[in-house]
PDB file of N, CA and C in Angstrom:
ATOM      1  N   UNK A   1     -67.300 -44.561 -38.668  1.00  0.00           N
ATOM      2  CA  UNK A   1     -66.843 -44.957 -37.359  1.00  0.00           C
ATOM      3  C   UNK A   1     -67.511 -46.267 -36.958  1.00  0.00           C
ATOM      4  N   UNK A   2     -68.805 -46.381 -37.238  1.00  0.00           N
ATOM      5  CA  UNK A   2     -69.529 -47.600 -36.906  1.00  0.00           C
ATOM      6  C   UNK A   2     -68.941 -48.815 -37.600  1.00  0.00           C
ATOM      7  N   UNK A   3     -68.555 -48.638 -38.872  1.00  0.00           N
ATOM      8  CA  UNK A   3     -67.945 -49.742 -39.622  1.00  0.00           C
ATOM      9  C   UNK A   3     -66.589 -50.120 -39.030  1.00  0.00           C
ATOM     10  N   UNK A   4     -65.825 -49.128 -38.617  1.00  0.00           N
ATOM     11  CA  UNK A   4     -64.520 -49.402 -38.012  1.00  0.00           C
ATOM     12  C   UNK A   4     -64.683 -50.164 -36.693  1.00  0.00           C
ATOM     13  N   UNK A   5     -65.639 -49.743 -35.876  1.00  0.00           N
ATOM     14  CA  UNK A   5     -65.906 -50.434 -34.609  1.00  0.00           C
ATOM     15  C   UNK A   5     -66.305 -51.883 -34.878  1.00  0.00           C
ATOM     16  N   UNK A   6     -67.166 -52.077 -35.873  1.00  0.00           N
ATOM     17  CA  UNK A   6     -67.598 -53.439 -36.200  1.00  0.00           C
ATOM     18  C   UNK A   6     -66.421 -54.275 -36.716  1.00  0.00           C
ATOM     19  N   UNK A   7     -65.595 -53.675 -37.552  1.00  0.00           N
ATOM     20  CA  UNK A   7     -64.443 -54.379 -38.124  1.00  0.00           C
ATOM     21  C   UNK A   7     -63.423 -54.752 -37.045  1.00  0.00           C
ATOM     22  N   UNK A   8     -63.124 -53.823 -36.152  1.00  0.00           N
ATOM     23  CA  UNK A   8     -62.072 -54.037 -35.154  1.00  0.00           C
ATOM     24  C   UNK A   8     -62.533 -54.844 -33.942  1.00  0.00           C
ATOM     25  N   UNK A   9     -63.808 -54.670 -33.530  1.00  0.00           N
ATOM     26  CA  UNK A   9     -64.267 -55.284 -32.281  1.00  0.00           C
ATOM     27  C   UNK A   9     -65.443 -56.246 -32.454  1.00  0.00           C
ATOM     28  N   UNK A  10     -65.899 -56.401 -33.697  1.00  0.00           N
ATOM     29  CA  UNK A  10     -67.020 -57.288 -33.996  1.00  0.00           C
ATOM     30  C   UNK A  10     -68.264 -56.902 -33.185  1.00  0.00           C
ATOM     31  N   UNK A  11     -68.471 -55.586 -33.034  1.00  0.00           N
ATOM     32  CA  UNK A  11     -69.648 -55.051 -32.342  1.00  0.00           C
ATOM     33  C   UNK A  11     -70.370 -54.126 -33.316  1.00  0.00           C
ATOM     34  N   UNK A  12     -71.648 -54.394 -33.560  1.00  0.00           N
ATOM     35  CA  UNK A  12     -72.423 -53.553 -34.474  1.00  0.00           C
ATOM     36  C   UNK A  12     -73.229 -52.554 -33.659  1.00  0.00           C
ATOM     37  N   UNK A  13     -72.974 -51.271 -33.865  1.00  0.00           N
ATOM     38  CA  UNK A  13     -73.688 -50.201 -33.168  1.00  0.00           C
ATOM     39  C   UNK A  13     -74.557 -49.437 -34.160  1.00  0.00           C
ATOM     40  N   UNK A  14     -75.675 -48.934 -33.679  1.00  0.00           N
ATOM     41  CA  UNK A  14     -76.520 -48.081 -34.498  1.00  0.00           C
ATOM     42  C   UNK A  14     -75.799 -46.745 -34.721  1.00  0.00           C
ATOM     43  N   UNK A  15     -76.070 -46.105 -35.847  1.00  0.00           N
ATOM     44  CA  UNK A  15     -75.441 -44.827 -36.175  1.00  0.00           C
ATOM     45  C   UNK A  15     -75.658 -43.812 -35.053  1.00  0.00           C
ATOM     46  N   UNK A  16     -76.864 -43.777 -34.519  1.00  0.00           N
ATOM     47  CA  UNK A  16     -77.174 -42.830 -33.447  1.00  0.00           C
ATOM     48  C   UNK A  16     -76.302 -43.088 -32.218  1.00  0.00           C
ATOM     49  N   UNK A  17     -76.078 -44.361 -31.895  1.00  0.00           N
ATOM     50  CA  UNK A  17     -75.236 -44.710 -30.744  1.00  0.00           C
ATOM     51  C   UNK A  17     -73.798 -44.267 -30.957  1.00  0.00           C
ATOM     52  N   UNK A  18     -73.292 -44.468 -32.173  1.00  0.00           N
ATOM     53  CA  UNK A  18     -71.919 -44.044 -32.483  1.00  0.00           C
ATOM     54  C   UNK A  18     -71.802 -42.535 -32.284  1.00  0.00           C
ATOM     55  N   UNK A  19     -72.788 -41.783 -32.773  1.00  0.00           N
ATOM     56  CA  UNK A  19     -72.781 -40.328 -32.606  1.00  0.00           C
ATOM     57  C   UNK A  19     -72.817 -39.918 -31.143  1.00  0.00           C
ATOM     58  N   UNK A  20     -73.615 -40.614 -30.346  1.00  0.00           N
ATOM     59  CA  UNK A  20     -73.702 -40.297 -28.915  1.00  0.00           C
ATOM     60  C   UNK A  20     -72.369 -40.564 -28.217  1.00  0.00           C
ATOM     61  N   UNK A  21     -71.727 -41.698 -28.546  1.00  0.00           N
ATOM     62  CA  UNK A  21     -70.427 -42.000 -27.947  1.00  0.00           C
ATOM     63  C   UNK A  21     -69.390 -40.939 -28.330  1.00  0.00           C
ATOM     64  N   UNK A  22     -69.356 -40.580 -29.609  1.00  0.00           N
ATOM     65  CA  UNK A  22     -68.387 -39.582 -30.061  1.00  0.00           C
ATOM     66  C   UNK A  22     -68.604 -38.250 -29.343  1.00  0.00           C
ATOM     67  N   UNK A  23     -69.861 -37.855 -29.190  1.00  0.00           N
ATOM     68  CA  UNK A  23     -70.175 -36.607 -28.478  1.00  0.00           C
ATOM     69  C   UNK A  23     -69.736 -36.702 -27.025  1.00  0.00           C
ATOM     70  N   UNK A  24     -70.007 -37.820 -26.389  1.00  0.00           N
ATOM     71  CA  UNK A  24     -69.631 -38.025 -24.993  1.00  0.00           C
ATOM     72  C   UNK A  24     -68.109 -37.941 -24.811  1.00  0.00           C
ATOM     73  N   UNK A  25     -67.364 -38.399 -25.816  1.00  0.00           N
ATOM     74  CA  UNK A  25     -65.899 -38.383 -25.745  1.00  0.00           C
ATOM     75  C   UNK A  25     -65.303 -37.051 -26.186  1.00  0.00           C
ATOM     76  N   UNK A  26     -66.157 -36.051 -26.457  1.00  0.00           N
ATOM     77  CA  UNK A  26     -65.665 -34.724 -26.802  1.00  0.00           C
ATOM     78  C   UNK A  26     -65.446 -34.482 -28.279  1.00  0.00           C
ATOM     79  N   UNK A  27     -65.953 -35.392 -29.136  1.00  0.00           N
ATOM     80  CA  UNK A  27     -65.819 -35.196 -30.580  1.00  0.00           C
ATOM     81  C   UNK A  27     -67.037 -34.456 -31.098  1.00  0.00           C
ATOM     82  N   UNK A  28     -66.821 -33.563 -32.063  1.00  0.00           N
ATOM     83  CA  UNK A  28     -67.920 -32.824 -32.678  1.00  0.00           C
ATOM     84  C   UNK A  28     -67.821 -32.977 -34.189  1.00  0.00           C
ATOM     85  N   UNK A  29     -68.954 -32.955 -34.916  1.00  0.00           N
ATOM     86  CA  UNK A  29     -68.873 -33.035 -36.377  1.00  0.00           C
ATOM     87  C   UNK A  29     -68.298 -31.731 -36.933  1.00  0.00           C
ATOM     88  N   UNK A  30     -67.289 -31.845 -37.761  1.00  0.00           N
ATOM     89  CA  UNK A  30     -66.636 -30.672 -38.331  1.00  0.00           C
ATOM     90  C   UNK A  30     -66.294 -30.939 -39.786  1.00  0.00           C
ATOM     91  N   UNK A  31     -66.215 -29.878 -40.538  1.00  0.00           N
ATOM     92  CA  UNK A  31     -65.793 -29.986 -41.927  1.00  0.00           C
ATOM     93  C   UNK A  31     -64.268 -30.017 -41.943  1.00  0.00           C
ATOM     94  N   UNK A  32     -63.658 -31.067 -42.497  1.00  0.00           N
ATOM     95  CA  UNK A  32     -62.194 -31.173 -42.448  1.00  0.00           C
ATOM     96  C   UNK A  32     -61.485 -30.209 -43.397  1.00  0.00           C
ATOM     97  N   UNK A  33     -60.266 -29.861 -43.032  1.00  0.00           N
ATOM     98  CA  UNK A  33     -59.380 -29.100 -43.908  1.00  0.00           C
ATOM     99  C   UNK A  33     -58.805 -30.096 -44.908  1.00  0.00           C
ATOM    100  N   UNK A  34     -58.734 -29.714 -46.163  1.00  0.00           N
ATOM    101  CA  UNK A  34     -58.136 -30.601 -47.160  1.00  0.00           C
ATOM    102  C   UNK A  34     -56.682 -30.207 -47.362  1.00  0.00           C
ATOM    103  N   UNK A  35     -55.806 -31.183 -47.312  1.00  0.00           N
ATOM    104  CA  UNK A  35     -54.388 -30.948 -47.545  1.00  0.00           C
ATOM    105  C   UNK A  35     -53.883 -31.981 -48.525  1.00  0.00           C
ATOM    106  N   UNK A  36     -53.009 -31.556 -49.393  1.00  0.00           N
ATOM    107  CA  UNK A  36     -52.416 -32.473 -50.359  1.00  0.00           C
ATOM    108  C   UNK A  36     -51.428 -33.396 -49.664  1.00  0.00           C
ATOM    109  N   UNK A  37     -51.362 -34.634 -50.131  1.00  0.00           N
ATOM    110  CA  UNK A  37     -50.402 -35.584 -49.577  1.00  0.00           C
ATOM    111  C   UNK A  37     -48.975 -35.075 -49.742  1.00  0.00           C
ATOM    112  N   UNK A  38     -48.724 -34.311 -50.808  1.00  0.00           N
ATOM    113  CA  UNK A  38     -47.381 -33.838 -51.121  1.00  0.00           C
ATOM    114  C   UNK A  38     -46.928 -32.682 -50.235  1.00  0.00           C
ATOM    115  N   UNK A  39     -47.834 -32.100 -49.457  1.00  0.00           N
ATOM    116  CA  UNK A  39     -47.485 -30.940 -48.639  1.00  0.00           C
ATOM    117  C   UNK A  39     -46.420 -31.312 -47.611  1.00  0.00           C
ATOM    118  N   UNK A  40     -45.457 -30.412 -47.433  1.00  0.00           N
ATOM    119  CA  UNK A  40     -44.384 -30.646 -46.472  1.00  0.00           C
ATOM    120  C   UNK A  40     -44.206 -29.400 -45.600  1.00  0.00           C
ATOM    121  N   UNK A  41     -44.872 -29.347 -44.439  1.00  0.00           N
ATOM    122  CA  UNK A  41     -44.742 -28.188 -43.560  1.00  0.00           C
ATOM    123  C   UNK A  41     -43.294 -27.892 -43.171  1.00  0.00           C
ATOM    124  N   UNK A  42     -42.469 -28.919 -43.013  1.00  0.00           N
ATOM    125  CA  UNK A  42     -41.064 -28.709 -42.652  1.00  0.00           C
ATOM    126  C   UNK A  42     -40.325 -27.991 -43.788  1.00  0.00           C
ATOM    127  N   UNK A  43     -40.605 -28.371 -45.028  1.00  0.00           N
ATOM    128  CA  UNK A  43     -39.961 -27.719 -46.178  1.00  0.00           C
ATOM    129  C   UNK A  43     -40.418 -26.264 -46.292  1.00  0.00           C
ATOM    130  N   UNK A  44     -41.692 -26.006 -46.012  1.00  0.00           N
ATOM    131  CA  UNK A  44     -42.210 -24.628 -46.051  1.00  0.00           C
ATOM    132  C   UNK A  44     -41.494 -23.777 -45.008  1.00  0.00           C
ATOM    133  N   UNK A  45     -41.385 -24.286 -43.784  1.00  0.00           N
ATOM    134  CA  UNK A  45     -40.697 -23.545 -42.723  1.00  0.00           C
ATOM    135  C   UNK A  45     -39.238 -23.294 -43.076  1.00  0.00           C
ATOM    136  N   UNK A  46     -38.575 -24.300 -43.637  1.00  0.00           N
ATOM    137  CA  UNK A  46     -37.169 -24.137 -44.029  1.00  0.00           C
ATOM    138  C   UNK A  46     -37.038 -23.036 -45.082  1.00  0.00           C
ATOM    139  N   UNK A  47     -37.967 -22.990 -46.039  1.00  0.00           N
ATOM    140  CA  UNK A  47     -37.921 -21.962 -47.078  1.00  0.00           C
ATOM    141  C   UNK A  47     -38.186 -20.580 -46.480  1.00  0.00           C
ATOM    142  N   UNK A  48     -39.199 -20.493 -45.596  1.00  0.00           N
ATOM    143  CA  UNK A  48     -39.523 -19.205 -44.975  1.00  0.00           C
ATOM    144  C   UNK A  48     -38.364 -18.661 -44.140  1.00  0.00           C
ATOM    145  N   UNK A  49     -37.630 -19.535 -43.488  1.00  0.00           N
ATOM    146  CA  UNK A  49     -36.515 -19.099 -42.641  1.00  0.00           C
ATOM    147  C   UNK A  49     -35.199 -18.988 -43.406  1.00  0.00           C
ATOM    148  N   UNK A  50     -35.060 -19.740 -44.496  1.00  0.00           N
ATOM    149  CA  UNK A  50     -33.798 -19.750 -45.229  1.00  0.00           C
ATOM    150  C   UNK A  50     -33.764 -18.810 -46.428  1.00  0.00           C
ATOM    151  N   UNK A  51     -34.664 -19.023 -47.381  1.00  0.00           N
ATOM    152  CA  UNK A  51     -34.638 -18.264 -48.639  1.00  0.00           C
ATOM    153  C   UNK A  51     -35.444 -16.973 -48.610  1.00  0.00           C
ATOM    154  N   UNK A  52     -36.604 -16.991 -47.955  1.00  0.00           N
ATOM    155  CA  UNK A  52     -37.501 -15.837 -48.000  1.00  0.00           C
ATOM    156  C   UNK A  52     -36.873 -14.545 -47.482  1.00  0.00           C
ATOM    157  N   UNK A  53     -36.100 -14.547 -46.380  1.00  0.00           N
ATOM    158  CA  UNK A  53     -35.514 -13.282 -45.918  1.00  0.00           C
ATOM    159  C   UNK A  53     -34.668 -12.596 -46.998  1.00  0.00           C
ATOM    160  N   UNK A  54     -33.938 -13.369 -47.799  1.00  0.00           N
ATOM    161  CA  UNK A  54     -33.148 -12.788 -48.886  1.00  0.00           C
ATOM    162  C   UNK A  54     -34.024 -12.193 -49.978  1.00  0.00           C
ATOM    163  N   UNK A  55     -35.114 -12.877 -50.297  1.00  0.00           N
ATOM    164  CA  UNK A  55     -36.058 -12.378 -51.308  1.00  0.00           C
ATOM    165  C   UNK A  55     -36.689 -11.080 -50.822  1.00  0.00           C
ATOM    166  N   UNK A  56     -37.071 -11.052 -49.553  1.00  0.00           N
ATOM    167  CA  UNK A  56     -37.685  -9.855 -48.964  1.00  0.00           C
ATOM    168  C   UNK A  56     -36.714  -8.673 -48.988  1.00  0.00           C
ATOM    169  N   UNK A  57     -35.464  -8.941 -48.644  1.00  0.00           N
ATOM    170  CA  UNK A  57     -34.446  -7.886 -48.630  1.00  0.00           C
ATOM    171  C   UNK A  57     -34.217  -7.337 -50.038  1.00  0.00           C
ATOM    172  N   UNK A  58     -34.143  -8.234 -51.023  1.00  0.00           N
ATOM    173  CA  UNK A  58     -33.934  -7.806 -52.419  1.00  0.00           C
ATOM    174  C   UNK A  58     -35.129  -6.997 -52.916  1.00  0.00           C
ATOM    175  N   UNK A  59     -36.343  -7.432 -52.589  1.00  0.00           N
ATOM    176  CA  UNK A  59     -37.541  -6.711 -53.016  1.00  0.00           C
ATOM    177  C   UNK A  59     -37.561  -5.305 -52.429  1.00  0.00           C
ATOM    178  N   UNK A  60     -37.197  -5.194 -51.157  1.00  0.00           N
ATOM    179  CA  UNK A  60     -37.164  -3.881 -50.505  1.00  0.00           C
ATOM    180  C   UNK A  60     -36.136  -2.979 -51.192  1.00  0.00           C
ATOM    181  N   UNK A  61     -34.957  -3.510 -51.496  1.00  0.00           N
ATOM    182  CA  UNK A  61     -33.897  -2.731 -52.137  1.00  0.00           C
ATOM    183  C   UNK A  61     -34.301  -2.264 -53.534  1.00  0.00           C
ATOM    184  N   UNK A  62     -35.076  -3.088 -54.240  1.00  0.00           N
ATOM    185  CA  UNK A  62     -35.488  -2.752 -55.611  1.00  0.00           C
ATOM    186  C   UNK A  62     -36.843  -2.052 -55.668  1.00  0.00           C
ATOM    187  N   UNK A  63     -37.473  -1.815 -54.518  1.00  0.00           N
ATOM    188  CA  UNK A  63     -38.794  -1.176 -54.502  1.00  0.00           C
ATOM    189  C   UNK A  63     -39.872  -2.065 -55.102  1.00  0.00           C
ATOM    190  N   UNK A  64     -39.707  -3.364 -54.996  1.00  0.00           N
ATOM    191  CA  UNK A  64     -40.649  -4.316 -55.592  1.00  0.00           C
ATOM    192  C   UNK A  64     -41.643  -4.826 -54.551  1.00  0.00           C
ATOM    193  N   UNK A  65     -42.712  -5.412 -55.026  1.00  0.00           N
ATOM    194  CA  UNK A  65     -43.702  -6.044 -54.164  1.00  0.00           C
ATOM    195  C   UNK A  65     -43.569  -7.559 -54.286  1.00  0.00           C
ATOM    196  N   UNK A  66     -43.769  -8.251 -53.196  1.00  0.00           N
ATOM    197  CA  UNK A  66     -43.796  -9.713 -53.215  1.00  0.00           C
ATOM    198  C   UNK A  66     -45.257 -10.136 -53.228  1.00  0.00           C
ATOM    199  N   UNK A  67     -45.639 -10.887 -54.245  1.00  0.00           N
ATOM    200  CA  UNK A  67     -47.002 -11.382 -54.363  1.00  0.00           C
ATOM    201  C   UNK A  67     -47.038 -12.867 -54.034  1.00  0.00           C
ATOM    202  N   UNK A  68     -47.984 -13.240 -53.187  1.00  0.00           N
ATOM    203  CA  UNK A  68     -48.207 -14.636 -52.836  1.00  0.00           C
ATOM    204  C   UNK A  68     -49.357 -15.131 -53.703  1.00  0.00           C
ATOM    205  N   UNK A  69     -49.120 -16.196 -54.429  1.00  0.00           N
ATOM    206  CA  UNK A  69     -50.131 -16.715 -55.340  1.00  0.00           C
ATOM    207  C   UNK A  69     -50.820 -17.943 -54.792  1.00  0.00           C
ATOM    208  N   UNK A  70     -52.070 -18.112 -55.202  1.00  0.00           N
ATOM    209  CA  UNK A  70     -52.826 -19.290 -54.804  1.00  0.00           C
ATOM    210  C   UNK A  70     -53.805 -19.627 -55.911  1.00  0.00           C
ATOM    211  N   UNK A  71     -54.165 -20.883 -55.958  1.00  0.00           N
ATOM    212  CA  UNK A  71     -55.100 -21.366 -56.955  1.00  0.00           C
ATOM    213  C   UNK A  71     -56.326 -21.904 -56.232  1.00  0.00           C
ATOM    214  N   UNK A  72     -57.483 -21.605 -56.764  1.00  0.00           N
ATOM    215  CA  UNK A  72     -58.711 -22.168 -56.222  1.00  0.00           C
ATOM    216  C   UNK A  72     -59.517 -22.712 -57.388  1.00  0.00           C
ATOM    217  N   UNK A  73     -60.474 -23.543 -57.107  1.00  0.00           N
ATOM    218  CA  UNK A  73     -61.231 -24.160 -58.190  1.00  0.00           C
ATOM    219  C   UNK A  73     -62.690 -24.341 -57.806  1.00  0.00           C
ATOM    220  N   UNK A  74     -63.529 -24.298 -58.818  1.00  0.00           N
ATOM    221  CA  UNK A  74     -64.936 -24.678 -58.699  1.00  0.00           C
ATOM    222  C   UNK A  74     -65.018 -26.101 -59.235  1.00  0.00           C
ATOM    223  N   UNK A  75     -65.603 -27.006 -58.464  1.00  0.00           N
ATOM    224  CA  UNK A  75     -65.679 -28.398 -58.899  1.00  0.00           C
ATOM    225  C   UNK A  75     -67.117 -28.874 -58.951  1.00  0.00           C
ATOM    226  N   UNK A  76     -67.340 -29.933 -59.702  1.00  0.00           N
ATOM    227  CA  UNK A  76     -68.685 -30.475 -59.866  1.00  0.00           C
ATOM    228  C   UNK A  76     -68.971 -31.624 -58.900  1.00  0.00           C
ATOM    229  N   UNK A  77     -68.253 -31.677 -57.787  1.00  0.00           N
ATOM    230  CA  UNK A  77     -68.470 -32.734 -56.811  1.00  0.00           C
ATOM    231  C   UNK A  77     -68.945 -32.140 -55.489  1.00  0.00           C
ATOM    232  N   UNK A  78     -69.591 -32.958 -54.694  1.00  0.00           N
ATOM    233  CA  UNK A  78     -70.101 -32.525 -53.398  1.00  0.00           C
ATOM    234  C   UNK A  78     -68.937 -32.349 -52.427  1.00  0.00           C
ATOM    235  N   UNK A  79     -68.847 -31.193 -51.788  1.00  0.00           N
ATOM    236  CA  UNK A  79     -67.751 -30.916 -50.863  1.00  0.00           C
ATOM    237  C   UNK A  79     -68.251 -30.645 -49.446  1.00  0.00           C
ATOM    238  N   UNK A  80     -69.469 -31.074 -49.129  1.00  0.00           N
ATOM    239  CA  UNK A  80     -70.060 -30.767 -47.824  1.00  0.00           C
ATOM    240  C   UNK A  80     -69.836 -31.868 -46.796  1.00  0.00           C
ATOM    241  N   UNK A  81     -68.866 -32.732 -47.000  1.00  0.00           N
ATOM    242  CA  UNK A  81     -68.624 -33.821 -46.053  1.00  0.00           C
ATOM    243  C   UNK A  81     -68.209 -33.275 -44.697  1.00  0.00           C
ATOM    244  N   UNK A  82     -68.528 -34.033 -43.671  1.00  0.00           N
ATOM    245  CA  UNK A  82     -68.100 -33.697 -42.314  1.00  0.00           C
ATOM    246  C   UNK A  82     -67.403 -34.903 -41.735  1.00  0.00           C
ATOM    247  N   UNK A  83     -66.620 -34.636 -40.715  1.00  0.00           N
ATOM    248  CA  UNK A  83     -65.893 -35.690 -40.034  1.00  0.00           C
ATOM    249  C   UNK A  83     -65.940 -35.383 -38.539  1.00  0.00           C
ATOM    250  N   UNK A  84     -65.580 -36.338 -37.712  1.00  0.00           N
ATOM    251  CA  UNK A  84     -65.576 -36.119 -36.270  1.00  0.00           C
ATOM    252  C   UNK A  84     -64.160 -35.901 -35.778  1.00  0.00           C
ATOM    253  N   UNK A  85     -64.015 -35.006 -34.808  1.00  0.00           N
ATOM    254  CA  UNK A  85     -62.735 -34.718 -34.174  1.00  0.00           C
ATOM    255  C   UNK A  85     -63.022 -34.085 -32.821  1.00  0.00           C
ATOM    256  N   UNK A  86     -62.042 -34.091 -31.924  1.00  0.00           N
ATOM    257  CA  UNK A  86     -62.254 -33.421 -30.636  1.00  0.00           C
ATOM    258  C   UNK A  86     -62.608 -31.953 -30.853  1.00  0.00           C
ATOM    259  N   UNK A  87     -63.456 -31.394 -30.011  1.00  0.00           N
ATOM    260  CA  UNK A  87     -63.870 -29.995 -30.116  1.00  0.00           C
ATOM    261  C   UNK A  87     -62.638 -29.100 -30.154  1.00  0.00           C
ATOM    262  N   UNK A  88     -62.612 -28.177 -31.106  1.00  0.00           N
ATOM    263  CA  UNK A  88     -61.497 -27.245 -31.236  1.00  0.00           C
ATOM    264  C   UNK A  88     -60.354 -27.753 -32.092  1.00  0.00           C
ATOM    265  N   UNK A  89     -60.401 -28.998 -32.544  1.00  0.00           N
ATOM    266  CA  UNK A  89     -59.348 -29.566 -33.386  1.00  0.00           C
ATOM    267  C   UNK A  89     -59.967 -29.950 -34.721  1.00  0.00           C
ATOM    268  N   UNK A  90     -59.702 -29.159 -35.752  1.00  0.00           N
ATOM    269  CA  UNK A  90     -60.275 -29.400 -37.063  1.00  0.00           C
ATOM    270  C   UNK A  90     -59.669 -30.648 -37.695  1.00  0.00           C
ATOM    271  N   UNK A  91     -60.510 -31.574 -38.183  1.00  0.00           N
ATOM    272  CA  UNK A  91     -59.982 -32.771 -38.827  1.00  0.00           C
ATOM    273  C   UNK A  91     -59.352 -32.446 -40.179  1.00  0.00           C
ATOM    274  N   UNK A  92     -58.469 -33.302 -40.634  1.00  0.00           N
ATOM    275  CA  UNK A  92     -57.807 -33.136 -41.925  1.00  0.00           C
ATOM    276  C   UNK A  92     -58.208 -34.301 -42.813  1.00  0.00           C
ATOM    277  N   UNK A  93     -58.716 -34.015 -44.015  1.00  0.00           N
ATOM    278  CA  UNK A  93     -59.065 -35.052 -44.982  1.00  0.00           C
ATOM    279  C   UNK A  93     -58.077 -34.970 -46.130  1.00  0.00           C
ATOM    280  N   UNK A  94     -57.387 -36.050 -46.384  1.00  0.00           N
ATOM    281  CA  UNK A  94     -56.422 -36.066 -47.476  1.00  0.00           C
ATOM    282  C   UNK A  94     -57.191 -36.149 -48.792  1.00  0.00           C
ATOM    283  N   UNK A  95     -56.847 -35.300 -49.741  1.00  0.00           N
ATOM    284  CA  UNK A  95     -57.539 -35.233 -51.022  1.00  0.00           C
ATOM    285  C   UNK A  95     -56.717 -35.921 -52.105  1.00  0.00           C
ATOM    286  N   UNK A  96     -57.336 -36.806 -52.825  1.00  0.00           N
ATOM    287  CA  UNK A  96     -56.673 -37.492 -53.928  1.00  0.00           C
ATOM    288  C   UNK A  96     -57.136 -36.887 -55.243  1.00  0.00           C
ATOM    289  N   UNK A  97     -56.307 -36.950 -56.252  1.00  0.00           N
ATOM    290  CA  UNK A  97     -56.665 -36.440 -57.567  1.00  0.00           C
ATOM    291  C   UNK A  97     -57.758 -37.291 -58.183  1.00  0.00           C
ATOM    292  N   UNK A  98     -58.356 -36.828 -59.256  1.00  0.00           N
ATOM    293  CA  UNK A  98     -59.413 -37.598 -59.881  1.00  0.00           C
ATOM    294  C   UNK A  98     -59.771 -37.029 -61.239  1.00  0.00           C
ATOM    295  N   UNK A  99     -60.891 -37.464 -61.753  1.00  0.00           N
ATOM    296  CA  UNK A  99     -61.305 -37.022 -63.087  1.00  0.00           C
ATOM    297  C   UNK A  99     -62.482 -36.069 -63.023  1.00  0.00           C
ATOM    298  N   UNK A 100     -62.710 -35.444 -61.895  1.00  0.00           N
ATOM    299  CA  UNK A 100     -63.827 -34.513 -61.784  1.00  0.00           C
ATOM    300  C   UNK A 100     -63.578 -33.287 -62.667  1.00  0.00           C
ATOM    301  N   UNK A 101     -64.645 -32.586 -62.977  1.00  0.00           N
ATOM    302  CA  UNK A 101     -64.561 -31.374 -63.775  1.00  0.00           C
ATOM    303  C   UNK A 101     -64.309 -30.202 -62.850  1.00  0.00           C
ATOM    304  N   UNK A 102     -63.410 -29.304 -63.251  1.00  0.00           N
ATOM    305  CA  UNK A 102     -63.180 -28.134 -62.425  1.00  0.00           C
ATOM    306  C   UNK A 102     -62.760 -26.944 -63.269  1.00  0.00           C
ATOM    307  N   UNK A 103     -62.977 -25.770 -62.714  1.00  0.00           N
ATOM    308  CA  UNK A 103     -62.578 -24.509 -63.320  1.00  0.00           C
ATOM    309  C   UNK A 103     -61.643 -23.846 -62.329  1.00  0.00           C
ATOM    310  N   UNK A 104     -60.402 -23.581 -62.744  1.00  0.00           N
ATOM    311  CA  UNK A 104     -59.395 -23.040 -61.835  1.00  0.00           C
ATOM    312  C   UNK A 104     -59.227 -21.540 -61.989  1.00  0.00           C
ATOM    313  N   UNK A 105     -58.800 -20.896 -60.890  1.00  0.00           N
ATOM    314  CA  UNK A 105     -58.518 -19.465 -60.894  1.00  0.00           C
ATOM    315  C   UNK A 105     -57.251 -19.241 -60.076  1.00  0.00           C
ATOM    316  N   UNK A 106     -56.377 -18.401 -60.574  1.00  0.00           N
ATOM    317  CA  UNK A 106     -55.151 -18.069 -59.856  1.00  0.00           C
ATOM    318  C   UNK A 106     -55.210 -16.591 -59.485  1.00  0.00           C
ATOM    319  N   UNK A 107     -54.850 -16.275 -58.239  1.00  0.00           N
ATOM    320  CA  UNK A 107     -54.848 -14.899 -57.766  1.00  0.00           C
ATOM    321  C   UNK A 107     -53.602 -14.676 -56.904  1.00  0.00           C
ATOM    322  N   UNK A 108     -53.186 -13.410 -56.779  1.00  0.00           N
ATOM    323  CA  UNK A 108     -52.044 -13.073 -55.922  1.00  0.00           C
ATOM    324  C   UNK A 108     -52.412 -11.934 -55.005  1.00  0.00           C
ATOM    325  N   UNK A 109     -51.661 -11.855 -53.887  1.00  0.00           N
ATOM    326  CA  UNK A 109     -51.875 -10.795 -52.918  1.00  0.00           C
ATOM    327  C   UNK A 109     -50.551 -10.549 -52.184  1.00  0.00           C
ATOM    328  N   UNK A 110     -50.299  -9.274 -51.845  1.00  0.00           N
ATOM    329  CA  UNK A 110     -49.099  -8.939 -51.074  1.00  0.00           C
ATOM    330  C   UNK A 110     -49.399  -9.036 -49.588  1.00  0.00           C
ATOM    331  N   UNK A 111     -48.354  -8.932 -48.768  1.00  0.00           N
ATOM    332  CA  UNK A 111     -48.540  -8.924 -47.317  1.00  0.00           C
ATOM    333  C   UNK A 111     -49.380  -7.727 -46.867  1.00  0.00           C
ATOM    334  N   UNK A 112     -49.411  -6.664 -47.675  1.00  0.00           N
ATOM    335  CA  UNK A 112     -50.195  -5.472 -47.346  1.00  0.00           C
ATOM    336  C   UNK A 112     -51.627  -5.547 -47.871  1.00  0.00           C
ATOM    337  N   UNK A 113     -51.989  -6.649 -48.525  1.00  0.00           N
ATOM    338  CA  UNK A 113     -53.341  -6.839 -49.019  1.00  0.00           C
ATOM    339  C   UNK A 113     -53.582  -6.339 -50.432  1.00  0.00           C
ATOM    340  N   UNK A 114     -52.527  -5.919 -51.139  1.00  0.00           N
ATOM    341  CA  UNK A 114     -52.689  -5.470 -52.528  1.00  0.00           C
ATOM    342  C   UNK A 114     -52.835  -6.686 -53.436  1.00  0.00           C
ATOM    343  N   UNK A 115     -53.673  -6.543 -54.463  1.00  0.00           N
ATOM    344  CA  UNK A 115     -53.847  -7.607 -55.443  1.00  0.00           C
ATOM    345  C   UNK A 115     -53.321  -7.143 -56.793  1.00  0.00           C
ATOM    346  N   UNK A 116     -53.052  -8.105 -57.650  1.00  0.00           N
ATOM    347  CA  UNK A 116     -52.560  -7.766 -58.997  1.00  0.00           C
ATOM    348  C   UNK A 116     -53.689  -7.125 -59.786  1.00  0.00           C
ATOM    349  N   UNK A 117     -53.386  -6.078 -60.491  1.00  0.00           N
ATOM    350  CA  UNK A 117     -54.393  -5.350 -61.241  1.00  0.00           C
ATOM    351  C   UNK A 117     -54.358  -5.712 -62.624  1.00  0.00           C
TER     352      UNK A 117
END
């Protein structure tokens, strides 16, 4: 933030001063949520309202379970960064791909909390 202020207004502030101003304006340090650039909330909503009801109906008719899958990873990079945002509003940090080392895991769960055995 201090660098941005200096770049935009040609005013150099001490780090402590920048923190005090941000606090005064209602910003708090928070760990940002990471979201992929490719994410499309509108497409997700369209799928949930358009296609998912048919899948749910078919699963019920066939006595099947719908499993929601997700992938998580252990990485060799520091993930403890924080960012400033107004209190109660979690900041979002866009994550770019890279050459870091990671170990991935895929898991599924139903709406009732059942996991794949």
